[in-house]
């Protein structure tokens, strides 16, 4: 992601999902398809349609409203630097095919992503909407986590775009849901923090205070979801997969010709991985007790995945290739789907 003004966030990718209330509905059916051989930067992963929700591999991205983190999926898939900017610059599109007619990409490139593209509005409901809501808030936290790391390293300019992303990129889209859930407005808090950092972050005490307030506000918004839902492994795993899917595409967009050319995307993906790990720790005890096999696979792969981001500042040479990161994300998502499918069948 880059430090720019964003329009409306597209659908944050989630893993195979269920409507929690449908767990006791014997009529609920589950269909699971596992894809192999992931592309270098975008993980096709296993797909599932549970109670109307599909894995991100089946989700289309609205090129008229998607934020750059979603458009980065195309950039990573095709290996075209700055493609996200080009797509955004040519808005609006009447049809997906206008990506070609407007010379954003060529026909061969379009053929590779056409199943991912839409110009139709996508409306979420039920638990799908809840997962999307928490993923968006999780992305906010991820941005702030990596920003704090950079501030602690006195890398104020590097931290600045990550402080701005929650305001410029995400808040505008989540605002309606915040109002629906009666969450107190906290955009002002985020803007205050952004202004302090843009001023050079010279008043460390104020930055620290406002950073804490911003995190507390996001946590308060997350708390608007029912506690039982927030503690449900099936629900949390869906959120984790949404974060991993976004981190995967950001990591792929960060790397060109075997080098990390876009530090911002690398850092964004690091923040999302940090929060994904934090969320899993909250359900790890339950997973180890009830699903020990999947728990081991998930923890082992998360551990390997995390090594791709050794520090907030990117290494000279990537620790892992996008293909390796994609395979690890796939392994995690496949295991989570087994857990979700079991719950859905009860």
Foldseek 3Di string as FASTA:
>chain_A
DDQDFAAAAWFQFWFAAEQLVLLPPQVWDKDKAADDDADQQAFLFIWMATPRDIGLNQAATALQHHTLLVVLLLCLRQVPAPLSVLSNVPDDDPFLCVCCVVPSDHPVSCVSCVSRYGNDDDDDDGLSVVLSLLLLLLLLQLLLVLLVQCVVVLNLVLSLSSLVCNLRPRCVHCVVVCVVLVQDDCSVLSVVLNVCSVVVVPPVVVNVVSSVVVNVSSVSSNPSPDPVLLLDLLSLLRSLLSLLSSLSSLQSNQDHPQFRNNLSSPLSSLSSLVSSVVSCVSNLVVCCVPPVVLSVLQVVLSVVLNVQDVGSGHDGGGPDGSSSSSVSSSSNSVSSVVVNVVSSND
